Amino acid sequence: MNYDSEQIDQNDEDADLVEERELLASLIEKLKCEIDETKNRNTLLETSNKVLVEKLKSELEYFRNKNKSLTELNNKLSKENDLLFADFMKSKAELK
């Protein structure tokens, strides 16, 4: 009877080990799938980031060019304004 009890205990332990191995194998497979999904997501995000960086560079270049043009126009207007003001002051002096 002792032998039967030991055999039953051994069978239970073996069954537990088999169940534990199956559970671990299942968890490993699930983790592999999650890792693959994460890699795919990261690849997509890297691609999206590259596209966004290029778009941002393009927009920055556009704004730099626009700012340069506006600065040049502002300088021209400022010179024109100075000339007009000088003419105004000259005319005002002549009227006195």
PDB file of N, CA and C in Angstrom:
ATOM      1  N   MET A   1       0.815  -1.187   0.000  1.00  0.00           N
ATOM      2  CA  MET A   1       0.000   0.000   0.000  1.00  0.00           C
ATOM      3  C   MET A   1       0.867   1.262   0.000  1.00  0.00           C
ATOM      4  N   ASN A   2       1.975   1.210   0.682  1.00  0.00           N
ATOM      5  CA  ASN A   2       2.897   2.323   0.691  1.00  0.00           C
ATOM      6  C   ASN A   2       3.421   2.587  -0.712  1.00  0.00           C
ATOM      7  N   TYR A   3       3.709   1.506  -1.432  1.00  0.00           N
ATOM      8  CA  TYR A   3       4.173   1.622  -2.813  1.00  0.00           C
ATOM      9  C   TYR A   3       3.122   2.298  -3.678  1.00  0.00           C
ATOM     10  N   ASP A   4       1.861   1.915  -3.492  1.00  0.00           N
ATOM     11  CA  ASP A   4       0.765   2.523  -4.258  1.00  0.00           C
ATOM     12  C   ASP A   4       0.648   4.005  -3.944  1.00  0.00           C
ATOM     13  N   SER A   5       0.791   4.368  -2.700  1.00  0.00           N
ATOM     14  CA  SER A   5       0.705   5.769  -2.291  1.00  0.00           C
ATOM     15  C   SER A   5       1.848   6.570  -2.903  1.00  0.00           C
ATOM     16  N   GLU A   6       3.050   6.005  -2.877  1.00  0.00           N
ATOM     17  CA  GLU A   6       4.200   6.678  -3.484  1.00  0.00           C
ATOM     18  C   GLU A   6       4.031   6.802  -4.995  1.00  0.00           C
ATOM     19  N   GLN A   7       3.492   5.755  -5.597  1.00  0.00           N
ATOM     20  CA  GLN A   7       3.271   5.775  -7.048  1.00  0.00           C
ATOM     21  C   GLN A   7       2.234   6.835  -7.415  1.00  0.00           C
ATOM     22  N   ILE A   8       1.185   6.935  -6.609  1.00  0.00           N
ATOM     23  CA  ILE A   8       0.141   7.946  -6.855  1.00  0.00           C
ATOM     24  C   ILE A   8       0.736   9.340  -6.707  1.00  0.00           C
ATOM     25  N   ASP A   9       1.543   9.535  -5.638  1.00  0.00           N
ATOM     26  CA  ASP A   9       2.192  10.837  -5.441  1.00  0.00           C
ATOM     27  C   ASP A   9       3.099  11.178  -6.623  1.00  0.00           C
ATOM     28  N   GLN A  10       3.858  10.179  -7.083  1.00  0.00           N
ATOM     29  CA  GLN A  10       4.758  10.389  -8.218  1.00  0.00           C
ATOM     30  C   GLN A  10       3.962  10.727  -9.479  1.00  0.00           C
ATOM     31  N   ASN A  11       2.852  10.020  -9.686  1.00  0.00           N
ATOM     32  CA  ASN A  11       1.993  10.294 -10.844  1.00  0.00           C
ATOM     33  C   ASN A  11       1.421  11.706 -10.767  1.00  0.00           C
ATOM     34  N   ASP A  12       1.009  12.123  -9.555  1.00  0.00           N
ATOM     35  CA  ASP A  12       0.485  13.481  -9.368  1.00  0.00           C
ATOM     36  C   ASP A  12       1.564  14.520  -9.672  1.00  0.00           C
ATOM     37  N   GLU A  13       2.776  14.254  -9.180  1.00  0.00           N
ATOM     38  CA  GLU A  13       3.879  15.179  -9.437  1.00  0.00           C
ATOM     39  C   GLU A  13       4.196  15.240 -10.926  1.00  0.00           C
ATOM     40  N   ASP A  14       4.200  14.088 -11.569  1.00  0.00           N
ATOM     41  CA  ASP A  14       4.456  14.049 -13.009  1.00  0.00           C
ATOM     42  C   ASP A  14       3.382  14.817 -13.773  1.00  0.00           C
ATOM     43  N   ALA A  15       2.128  14.616 -13.370  1.00  0.00           N
ATOM     44  CA  ALA A  15       1.019  15.321 -14.025  1.00  0.00           C
ATOM     45  C   ALA A  15       1.151  16.825 -13.801  1.00  0.00           C
ATOM     46  N   ASP A  16       1.537  17.206 -12.574  1.00  0.00           N
ATOM     47  CA  ASP A  16       1.733  18.628 -12.277  1.00  0.00           C
ATOM     48  C   ASP A  16       2.863  19.212 -13.126  1.00  0.00           C
ATOM     49  N   LEU A  17       3.949  18.457 -13.273  1.00  0.00           N
ATOM     50  CA  LEU A  17       5.074  18.921 -14.086  1.00  0.00           C
ATOM     51  C   LEU A  17       4.682  19.071 -15.555  1.00  0.00           C
ATOM     52  N   VAL A  18       3.919  18.109 -16.063  1.00  0.00           N
ATOM     53  CA  VAL A  18       3.456  18.191 -17.453  1.00  0.00           C
ATOM     54  C   VAL A  18       2.577  19.424 -17.628  1.00  0.00           C
ATOM     55  N   GLU A  19       1.667  19.636 -16.685  1.00  0.00           N
ATOM     56  CA  GLU A  19       0.774  20.797 -16.752  1.00  0.00           C
ATOM     57  C   GLU A  19       1.581  22.093 -16.663  1.00  0.00           C
ATOM     58  N   GLU A  20       2.577  22.103 -15.783  1.00  0.00           N
ATOM     59  CA  GLU A  20       3.418  23.285 -15.630  1.00  0.00           C
ATOM     60  C   GLU A  20       4.220  23.549 -16.903  1.00  0.00           C
ATOM     61  N   ARG A  21       4.760  22.515 -17.525  1.00  0.00           N
ATOM     62  CA  ARG A  21       5.498  22.668 -18.780  1.00  0.00           C
ATOM     63  C   ARG A  21       4.591  23.215 -19.878  1.00  0.00           C
ATOM     64  N   GLU A  22       3.366  22.675 -19.947  1.00  0.00           N
ATOM     65  CA  GLU A  22       2.418  23.147 -20.967  1.00  0.00           C
ATOM     66  C   GLU A  22       2.071  24.612 -20.743  1.00  0.00           C
ATOM     67  N   LEU A  23       1.884  24.981 -19.478  1.00  0.00           N
ATOM     68  CA  LEU A  23       1.578  26.369 -19.149  1.00  0.00           C
ATOM     69  C   LEU A  23       2.755  27.270 -19.524  1.00  0.00           C
ATOM     70  N   LEU A  24       3.968  26.852 -19.170  1.00  0.00           N
ATOM     71  CA  LEU A  24       5.152  27.635 -19.516  1.00  0.00           C
ATOM     72  C   LEU A  24       5.316  27.753 -21.030  1.00  0.00           C
ATOM     73  N   ALA A  25       5.095  26.663 -21.749  1.00  0.00           N
ATOM     74  CA  ALA A  25       5.191  26.700 -23.213  1.00  0.00           C
ATOM     75  C   ALA A  25       4.166  27.668 -23.788  1.00  0.00           C
ATOM     76  N   SER A  26       2.962  27.655 -23.221  1.00  0.00           N
ATOM     77  CA  SER A  26       1.909  28.562 -23.675  1.00  0.00           C
ATOM     78  C   SER A  26       2.300  30.015 -23.399  1.00  0.00           C
ATOM     79  N   LEU A  27       2.847  30.270 -22.215  1.00  0.00           N
ATOM     80  CA  LEU A  27       3.267  31.629 -21.867  1.00  0.00           C
ATOM     81  C   LEU A  27       4.416  32.096 -22.757  1.00  0.00           C
ATOM     82  N   ILE A  28       5.352  31.204 -23.035  1.00  0.00           N
ATOM     83  CA  ILE A  28       6.472  31.551 -23.915  1.00  0.00           C
ATOM     84  C   ILE A  28       5.961  31.905 -25.307  1.00  0.00           C
ATOM     85  N   GLU A  29       5.028  31.125 -25.816  1.00  0.00           N
ATOM     86  CA  GLU A  29       4.462  31.396 -27.145  1.00  0.00           C
ATOM     87  C   GLU A  29       3.737  32.738 -27.158  1.00  0.00           C
ATOM     88  N   LYS A  30       2.997  33.009 -26.084  1.00  0.00           N
ATOM     89  CA  LYS A  30       2.282  34.284 -25.986  1.00  0.00           C
ATOM     90  C   LYS A  30       3.277  35.445 -25.948  1.00  0.00           C
ATOM     91  N   LEU A  31       4.352  35.294 -25.187  1.00  0.00           N
ATOM     92  CA  LEU A  31       5.365  36.346 -25.117  1.00  0.00           C
ATOM     93  C   LEU A  31       6.035  36.563 -26.468  1.00  0.00           C
ATOM     94  N   LYS A  32       6.288  35.482 -27.210  1.00  0.00           N
ATOM     95  CA  LYS A  32       6.869  35.613 -28.543  1.00  0.00           C
ATOM     96  C   LYS A  32       5.950  36.418 -29.451  1.00  0.00           C
ATOM     97  N   CYS A  33       4.657  36.140 -29.365  1.00  0.00           N
ATOM     98  CA  CYS A  33       3.681  36.888 -30.176  1.00  0.00           C
ATOM     99  C   CYS A  33       3.675  38.361 -29.782  1.00  0.00           C
ATOM    100  N   GLU A  34       3.694  38.628 -28.477  1.00  0.00           N
ATOM    101  CA  GLU A  34       3.700  40.013 -28.006  1.00  0.00           C
ATOM    102  C   GLU A  34       4.976  40.731 -28.442  1.00  0.00           C
ATOM    103  N   ILE A  35       6.101  40.029 -28.403  1.00  0.00           N
ATOM    104  CA  ILE A  35       7.367  40.621 -28.849  1.00  0.00           C
ATOM    105  C   ILE A  35       7.291  40.958 -30.331  1.00  0.00           C
ATOM    106  N   ASP A  36       6.751  40.045 -31.137  1.00  0.00           N
ATOM    107  CA  ASP A  36       6.609  40.297 -32.576  1.00  0.00           C
ATOM    108  C   ASP A  36       5.699  41.492 -32.832  1.00  0.00           C
ATOM    109  N   GLU A  37       4.583  41.558 -32.100  1.00  0.00           N
ATOM    110  CA  GLU A  37       3.659  42.684 -32.259  1.00  0.00           C
ATOM    111  C   GLU A  37       4.343  43.994 -31.872  1.00  0.00           C
ATOM    112  N   THR A  38       5.112  43.958 -30.799  1.00  0.00           N
ATOM    113  CA  THR A  38       5.818  45.155 -30.349  1.00  0.00           C
ATOM    114  C   THR A  38       6.861  45.589 -31.374  1.00  0.00           C
ATOM    115  N   LYS A  39       7.583  44.628 -31.946  1.00  0.00           N
ATOM    116  CA  LYS A  39       8.565  44.954 -32.988  1.00  0.00           C
ATOM    117  C   LYS A  39       7.879  45.598 -34.186  1.00  0.00           C
ATOM    118  N   ASN A  40       6.742  45.021 -34.595  1.00  0.00           N
ATOM    119  CA  ASN A  40       5.999  45.583 -35.732  1.00  0.00           C
ATOM    120  C   ASN A  40       5.517  46.994 -35.427  1.00  0.00           C
ATOM    121  N   ARG A  41       5.006  47.188 -34.208  1.00  0.00           N
ATOM    122  CA  ARG A  41       4.518  48.505 -33.802  1.00  0.00           C
ATOM    123  C   ARG A  41       5.676  49.507 -33.783  1.00  0.00           C
ATOM    124  N   ASN A  42       6.821  49.077 -33.252  1.00  0.00           N
ATOM    125  CA  ASN A  42       7.984  49.964 -33.207  1.00  0.00           C
ATOM    126  C   ASN A  42       8.461  50.329 -34.608  1.00  0.00           C
ATOM    127  N   THR A  43       8.448  49.364 -35.507  1.00  0.00           N
ATOM    128  CA  THR A  43       8.842  49.636 -36.892  1.00  0.00           C
ATOM    129  C   THR A  43       7.905  50.664 -37.516  1.00  0.00           C
ATOM    130  N   LEU A  44       6.613  50.490 -37.290  1.00  0.00           N
ATOM    131  CA  LEU A  44       5.632  51.439 -37.813  1.00  0.00           C
ATOM    132  C   LEU A  44       5.853  52.830 -37.220  1.00  0.00           C
ATOM    133  N   LEU A  45       6.098  52.884 -35.909  1.00  0.00           N
ATOM    134  CA  LEU A  45       6.328  54.175 -35.259  1.00  0.00           C
ATOM    135  C   LEU A  45       7.609  54.834 -35.761  1.00  0.00           C
ATOM    136  N   GLU A  46       8.649  54.049 -35.969  1.00  0.00           N
ATOM    137  CA  GLU A  46       9.895  54.605 -36.498  1.00  0.00           C
ATOM    138  C   GLU A  46       9.677  55.190 -37.889  1.00  0.00           C
ATOM    139  N   THR A  47       8.938  54.478 -38.718  1.00  0.00           N
ATOM    140  CA  THR A  47       8.641  54.971 -40.063  1.00  0.00           C
ATOM    141  C   THR A  47       7.823  56.256 -39.989  1.00  0.00           C
ATOM    142  N   SER A  48       6.807  56.254 -39.136  1.00  0.00           N
ATOM    143  CA  SER A  48       5.970  57.451 -38.974  1.00  0.00           C
ATOM    144  C   SER A  48       6.801  58.625 -38.477  1.00  0.00           C
ATOM    145  N   ASN A  49       7.689  58.358 -37.527  1.00  0.00           N
ATOM    146  CA  ASN A  49       8.542  59.422 -36.997  1.00  0.00           C
ATOM    147  C   ASN A  49       9.452  59.996 -38.074  1.00  0.00           C
ATOM    148  N   LYS A  50      10.008  59.131 -38.914  1.00  0.00           N
ATOM    149  CA  LYS A  50      10.873  59.609 -39.994  1.00  0.00           C
ATOM    150  C   LYS A  50      10.096  60.509 -40.945  1.00  0.00           C
ATOM    151  N   VAL A  51       8.875  60.100 -41.273  1.00  0.00           N
ATOM    152  CA  VAL A  51       8.035  60.909 -42.166  1.00  0.00           C
ATOM    153  C   VAL A  51       7.732  62.257 -41.515  1.00  0.00           C
ATOM    154  N   LEU A  52       7.393  62.229 -40.231  1.00  0.00           N
ATOM    155  CA  LEU A  52       7.075  63.473 -39.526  1.00  0.00           C
ATOM    156  C   LEU A  52       8.295  64.384 -39.411  1.00  0.00           C
ATOM    157  N   VAL A  53       9.459  63.808 -39.177  1.00  0.00           N
ATOM    158  CA  VAL A  53      10.686  64.608 -39.093  1.00  0.00           C
ATOM    159  C   VAL A  53      10.960  65.285 -40.433  1.00  0.00           C
ATOM    160  N   GLU A  54      10.809  64.549 -41.522  1.00  0.00           N
ATOM    161  CA  GLU A  54      11.028  65.134 -42.846  1.00  0.00           C
ATOM    162  C   GLU A  54      10.018  66.244 -43.128  1.00  0.00           C
ATOM    163  N   LYS A  55       8.771  66.013 -42.736  1.00  0.00           N
ATOM    164  CA  LYS A  55       7.743  67.043 -42.937  1.00  0.00           C
ATOM    165  C   LYS A  55       8.070  68.280 -42.108  1.00  0.00           C
ATOM    166  N   LEU A  56       8.501  68.062 -40.876  1.00  0.00           N
ATOM    167  CA  LEU A  56       8.862  69.181 -40.011  1.00  0.00           C
ATOM    168  C   LEU A  56      10.048  69.957 -40.582  1.00  0.00           C
ATOM    169  N   LYS A  57      11.045  69.245 -41.095  1.00  0.00           N
ATOM    170  CA  LYS A  57      12.189  69.915 -41.720  1.00  0.00           C
ATOM    171  C   LYS A  57      11.729  70.775 -42.892  1.00  0.00           C
ATOM    172  N   SER A  58      10.828  70.230 -43.681  1.00  0.00           N
ATOM    173  CA  SER A  58      10.300  70.961 -44.828  1.00  0.00           C
ATOM    174  C   SER A  58       9.555  72.219 -44.374  1.00  0.00           C
ATOM    175  N   GLU A  59       8.731  72.064 -43.346  1.00  0.00           N
ATOM    176  CA  GLU A  59       7.980  73.213 -42.821  1.00  0.00           C
ATOM    177  C   GLU A  59       8.923  74.270 -42.245  1.00  0.00           C
ATOM    178  N   LEU A  60       9.956  73.820 -41.536  1.00  0.00           N
ATOM    179  CA  LEU A  60      10.926  74.767 -40.981  1.00  0.00           C
ATOM    180  C   LEU A  60      11.634  75.543 -42.090  1.00  0.00           C
ATOM    181  N   GLU A  61      12.006  74.849 -43.137  1.00  0.00           N
ATOM    182  CA  GLU A  61      12.659  75.509 -44.269  1.00  0.00           C
ATOM    183  C   GLU A  61      11.718  76.534 -44.907  1.00  0.00           C
ATOM    184  N   TYR A  62      10.453  76.156 -45.041  1.00  0.00           N
ATOM    185  CA  TYR A  62       9.455  77.074 -45.593  1.00  0.00           C
ATOM    186  C   TYR A  62       9.355  78.334 -44.725  1.00  0.00           C
ATOM    187  N   PHE A  63       9.270  78.140 -43.396  1.00  0.00           N
ATOM    188  CA  PHE A  63       9.138  79.293 -42.501  1.00  0.00           C
ATOM    189  C   PHE A  63      10.409  80.143 -42.479  1.00  0.00           C
ATOM    190  N   ARG A  64      11.574  79.501 -42.583  1.00  0.00           N
ATOM    191  CA  ARG A  64      12.820  80.277 -42.653  1.00  0.00           C
ATOM    192  C   ARG A  64      12.827  81.156 -43.905  1.00  0.00           C
ATOM    193  N   ASN A  65      12.455  80.566 -45.026  1.00  0.00           N
ATOM    194  CA  ASN A  65      12.411  81.331 -46.280  1.00  0.00           C
ATOM    195  C   ASN A  65      11.391  82.454 -46.209  1.00  0.00           C
ATOM    196  N   LYS A  66      10.232  82.128 -45.637  1.00  0.00           N
ATOM    197  CA  LYS A  66       9.180  83.140 -45.513  1.00  0.00           C
ATOM    198  C   LYS A  66       9.643  84.260 -44.585  1.00  0.00           C
ATOM    199  N   ASN A  67      10.288  83.896 -43.485  1.00  0.00           N
ATOM    200  CA  ASN A  67      10.789  84.894 -42.542  1.00  0.00           C
ATOM    201  C   ASN A  67      11.842  85.783 -43.194  1.00  0.00           C
ATOM    202  N   LYS A  68      12.725  85.168 -43.982  1.00  0.00           N
ATOM    203  CA  LYS A  68      13.755  85.939 -44.685  1.00  0.00           C
ATOM    204  C   LYS A  68      13.108  86.931 -45.646  1.00  0.00           C
ATOM    205  N   SER A  69      12.119  86.463 -46.397  1.00  0.00           N
ATOM    206  CA  SER A  69      11.422  87.346 -47.347  1.00  0.00           C
ATOM    207  C   SER A  69      10.724  88.489 -46.624  1.00  0.00           C
ATOM    208  N   LEU A  70      10.063  88.164 -45.528  1.00  0.00           N
ATOM    209  CA  LEU A  70       9.348  89.202 -44.780  1.00  0.00           C
ATOM    210  C   LEU A  70      10.318  90.197 -44.145  1.00  0.00           C
ATOM    211  N   THR A  71      11.462  89.713 -43.697  1.00  0.00           N
ATOM    212  CA  THR A  71      12.475  90.610 -43.130  1.00  0.00           C
ATOM    213  C   THR A  71      12.986  91.568 -44.200  1.00  0.00           C
ATOM    214  N   GLU A  72      13.256  91.034 -45.393  1.00  0.00           N
ATOM    215  CA  GLU A  72      13.708  91.881 -46.503  1.00  0.00           C
ATOM    216  C   GLU A  72      12.653  92.925 -46.856  1.00  0.00           C
ATOM    217  N   LEU A  73      11.402  92.500 -46.926  1.00  0.00           N
ATOM    218  CA  LEU A  73      10.318  93.446 -47.230  1.00  0.00           C
ATOM    219  C   LEU A  73      10.179  94.491 -46.134  1.00  0.00           C
ATOM    220  N   ASN A  74      10.310  94.063 -44.902  1.00  0.00           N
ATOM    221  CA  ASN A  74      10.215  94.992 -43.781  1.00  0.00           C
ATOM    222  C   ASN A  74      11.333  96.031 -43.842  1.00  0.00           C
ATOM    223  N   ASN A  75      12.531  95.588 -44.184  1.00  0.00           N
ATOM    224  CA  ASN A  75      13.655  96.529 -44.316  1.00  0.00           C
ATOM    225  C   ASN A  75      13.402  97.538 -45.435  1.00  0.00           C
ATOM    226  N   LYS A  76      12.871  97.065 -46.572  1.00  0.00           N
ATOM    227  CA  LYS A  76      12.550  97.972 -47.681  1.00  0.00           C
ATOM    228  C   LYS A  76      11.480  98.978 -47.262  1.00  0.00           C
ATOM    229  N   LEU A  77      10.453  98.485 -46.575  1.00  0.00           N
ATOM    230  CA  LEU A  77       9.385  99.384 -46.121  1.00  0.00           C
ATOM    231  C   LEU A  77       9.909 100.394 -45.107  1.00  0.00           C
ATOM    232  N   SER A  78      10.812  99.941 -44.262  1.00  0.00           N
ATOM    233  CA  SER A  78      11.393 100.839 -43.269  1.00  0.00           C
ATOM    234  C   SER A  78      12.185 101.956 -43.952  1.00  0.00           C
ATOM    235  N   LYS A  79      12.966 101.603 -44.978  1.00  0.00           N
ATOM    236  CA  LYS A  79      13.718 102.614 -45.733  1.00  0.00           C
ATOM    237  C   LYS A  79      12.768 103.580 -46.433  1.00  0.00           C
ATOM    238  N   GLU A  80      11.717 103.014 -47.032  1.00  0.00           N
ATOM    239  CA  GLU A  80      10.719 103.849 -47.715  1.00  0.00           C
ATOM    240  C   GLU A  80      10.037 104.776 -46.715  1.00  0.00           C
ATOM    241  N   ASN A  81       9.734 104.246 -45.548  1.00  0.00           N
ATOM    242  CA  ASN A  81       9.104 105.045 -44.503  1.00  0.00           C
ATOM    243  C   ASN A  81      10.033 106.176 -44.061  1.00  0.00           C
ATOM    244  N   ASP A  82      11.320 105.871 -43.918  1.00  0.00           N
ATOM    245  CA  ASP A  82      12.289 106.909 -43.542  1.00  0.00           C
ATOM    246  C   ASP A  82      12.342 108.011 -44.597  1.00  0.00           C
ATOM    247  N   LEU A  83      12.338 107.617 -45.875  1.00  0.00           N
ATOM    248  CA  LEU A  83      12.353 108.611 -46.958  1.00  0.00           C
ATOM    249  C   LEU A  83      11.086 109.464 -46.942  1.00  0.00           C
ATOM    250  N   LEU A  84       9.950 108.810 -46.763  1.00  0.00           N
ATOM    251  CA  LEU A  84       8.681 109.556 -46.718  1.00  0.00           C
ATOM    252  C   LEU A  84       8.646 110.509 -45.526  1.00  0.00           C
ATOM    253  N   PHE A  85       9.154 110.057 -44.391  1.00  0.00           N
ATOM    254  CA  PHE A  85       9.171 110.911 -43.206  1.00  0.00           C
ATOM    255  C   PHE A  85      10.099 112.109 -43.430  1.00  0.00           C
ATOM    256  N   ALA A  86      11.242 111.847 -44.065  1.00  0.00           N
ATOM    257  CA  ALA A  86      12.177 112.943 -44.362  1.00  0.00           C
ATOM    258  C   ALA A  86      11.515 113.952 -45.302  1.00  0.00           C
ATOM    259  N   ASP A  87      10.817 113.458 -46.329  1.00  0.00           N
ATOM    260  CA  ASP A  87      10.095 114.349 -47.246  1.00  0.00           C
ATOM    261  C   ASP A  87       9.021 115.131 -46.506  1.00  0.00           C
ATOM    262  N   PHE A  88       8.317 114.466 -45.605  1.00  0.00           N
ATOM    263  CA  PHE A  88       7.268 115.126 -44.819  1.00  0.00           C
ATOM    264  C   PHE A  88       7.872 116.249 -43.977  1.00  0.00           C
ATOM    265  N   MET A  89       8.978 115.945 -43.304  1.00  0.00           N
ATOM    266  CA  MET A  89       9.604 116.954 -42.454  1.00  0.00           C
ATOM    267  C   MET A  89      10.119 118.127 -43.298  1.00  0.00           C
ATOM    268  N   LYS A  90      10.639 117.816 -44.482  1.00  0.00           N
ATOM    269  CA  LYS A  90      11.125 118.864 -45.381  1.00  0.00           C
ATOM    270  C   LYS A  90       9.966 119.746 -45.828  1.00  0.00           C
ATOM    271  N   SER A  91       8.847 119.105 -46.199  1.00  0.00           N
ATOM    272  CA  SER A  91       7.661 119.867 -46.631  1.00  0.00           C
ATOM    273  C   SER A  91       7.119 120.702 -45.487  1.00  0.00           C
ATOM    274  N   LYS A  92       7.121 120.143 -44.310  1.00  0.00           N
ATOM    275  CA  LYS A  92       6.621 120.856 -43.130  1.00  0.00           C
ATOM    276  C   LYS A  92       7.501 122.079 -42.857  1.00  0.00           C
ATOM    277  N   ALA A  93       8.795 121.920 -43.002  1.00  0.00           N
ATOM    278  CA  ALA A  93       9.723 123.032 -42.767  1.00  0.00           C
ATOM    279  C   ALA A  93       9.540 124.118 -43.822  1.00  0.00           C
ATOM    280  N   GLU A  94       9.276 123.694 -45.061  1.00  0.00           N
ATOM    281  CA  GLU A  94       9.085 124.659 -46.140  1.00  0.00           C
ATOM    282  C   GLU A  94       7.806 125.460 -45.947  1.00  0.00           C
ATOM    283  N   LEU A  95       6.796 124.864 -45.311  1.00  0.00           N
ATOM    284  CA  LEU A  95       5.528 125.553 -45.098  1.00  0.00           C
ATOM    285  C   LEU A  95       5.629 126.592 -43.988  1.00  0.00           C
ATOM    286  N   LYS A  96       6.600 126.534 -43.153  1.00  0.00           N
ATOM    287  CA  LYS A  96       6.726 127.495 -42.052  1.00  0.00           C
ATOM    288  C   LYS A  96       7.323 128.780 -42.466  1.00  0.00           C
TER     289      LYS A  96
END
